[in-house]
């Protein structure tokens, strides 16, 4: 699972690295309009159609997690000033001004800000490059009357209000709050769009690039997702779509001041990278997660033309080897690089060029190397950059061409000199004899990723025993239950744990079990997220986890092998997963496995009121299981199902909810073409894609894969032949 192994320490274009609690649906009373807006539902409406003066609900689809309008001195381009501000200033400059009290303006801004400050997701925004209303004097128009008395009236009261709104909205950093603000009236809708600088779009086919750029004209950062997650398991044929090309072309014309792009599961070509570099003169950050379609030649063009580049993160992406020395193409002179991650690039790199690049990058904080970088070369880089906070070690083994008589560098001293290091990963081809080198930094580590290191419990213990500050730990199951018990004994601050299998076959003998699982629950009471692969589990251990770790937000238990029951009692795992949704009140993401009956899904529907993402595999007895979920989980956004006995009746039970979901994926279930067609007819604003294997010429009566998602644009125009849109 590429997404599961994606290092959370990588920057995500402003996204939070911790799991945010999902706020409960609520009603906000807006004192300024004396009207109540119900935001517990968000039916789909046009992204370009502003609300009327009567308050209506709509789903902007395009969402933003943060607003950042900090002006950069290096920029040659800036977003245009707001047009209503120019008109207002031009008008008032011709009048005889009567100054408004600054205090009145400040009180109005404070009152409105107070009304919107009830979301704990909010954080302080940086200063805006827009002119702040609170720093400007207000004027009134002086007019004469028939009676000879002078009358005073404020010019353009709507513009003045929008000027205040502009200030207030810069403090809204939650995309849910921003979407809610845009529902109030036309002026709020307009100002919210004009002040949004970071755009999040969870499905690249939910809205067109033209529609997004027409509404949000001042965007500096784009966060875009493409293929669904199950594509990582080879459940989707290649070349399905999710092309970045139309997006980069649209933003090149509409937003030449774009600075940041974060893409996940998108198809990116070398030409796209060239367009990105040539169209945005102040471009700073590129993060590609689980992307494909590009190679080292595209990277070479990109890095050679982005002279202000700060972040280049290639995470679990497929990069073709074009035999191009892309590292050498970074511009000469002092670099602005703050983060360089290329651990997924499966080809050798020019180490001398990399060493020179690191040496001239004084701001470099994050560096993650691929497996072609030896531990000796790692030493040379660490000497050049002791300021690193995040390090991916590369192979963590000596080079094959190293001389037999060469003296080993002092790796312990090199690691000890990196006093700011808090995140450590890599170890692609580890030789355990070198592990003692990292002992000096263990006490400071908050994140440790051993998900590529096949180490034993005995090799782990000397390391983990000093990791008292550790909050994130990824590891292979080669450490066995004994290793997990050592983690539980030391890491009392642990927030996230992921345990991956060395051997993912269904019939393999898993070295971790309910023993290590329960030890973690008893020792790591602050745990918020867990992904755990194992071959056997018990209800008792899962129930203990639900009681000991009530703050769990993400719970993904993957019992490998189909329909595995409680290996002690032989009972289904219903009670264990039921306890998780009952006792973990903050749970937003759930993945279920093992032998599960409809009873488990009844629990999920009854108690999983905050669940947003649900993944199901080889589970359930009948259509009732899916019906329980679709009727009982009001916050459900993403539903992934494979190899489960759910048919047309189960699919139709969610008609009331599909417009509120981002997507539904069902593969190898019991769906028919007729049942899917019925959904398409009943919900015309839902895109219903039936996907067959690439070598299958005609559509069968039974549907192999169904992918449904909401869209403002209707069916896409780049669907391949193996995709039929109903």
Foldseek 3Di string as FASTA:
>chain_A
DQVVQWDLVADFQPDDSDDDFDDDFDWAQDVVVRDIDGPLFAFADALPDAAAQPFDHHDNLKFAQFFAADDDPPDPDAFDADVLVVVVVVVQVPADWDWDDLVVLVVVLVVNLVSLPPDPSFDAYDDHPYDQLSVDTATWHWDADPVGDIDTDRPPVLSSVLSSLLNSLNRDNGRSSLSVQSRNHRSSVQSSLARGAEIEREECFFEFLQSNCVRNQRHQEYEYEYDDPCVVVVLAAPPQAQECVRNLVSCLVRPLQHAYYGYEAHEYALVSLLSNLVSRQQHEEYAYRQYEHYALVSLLNNQLRHQNYAYDAYRNYDHDYPVDASLLNHDDAAGNYAEDHDQNHPDDHDLVSVLNNLLRHQNHAYYAHHQNQEQQSLLSSLVSHLQHQAYHRHQQHHDPPDDPPDDDDLLLVSLLSNQNHAEYHHNQNHDLVSVVSNQNCQLRHQYYEAQNPLDELVSCLSRLQNNQNHAYYEHEQNNALSNLLSNLQRHQNHAEYEYHYPDQALPDAGRYELNSLQSNLQRHQQYAEYADEGQAYALVSLLSSLVSHLQHAYDHYHRRHAQADHVPPRHHNLNSLLSNLARNLSHAYYEDGHEEELSSLLSCLARVQRHAEYAYENYYDELSSLLSNLNRHSNHAEYHYEQYAHELVSVVSNLVRQSVHFKYKYFNYFYFPVSLVVSCVSDVQKWWKQADHPPDQDDDRGTGMIMIGGHPVGDDDSGDPRIDTD
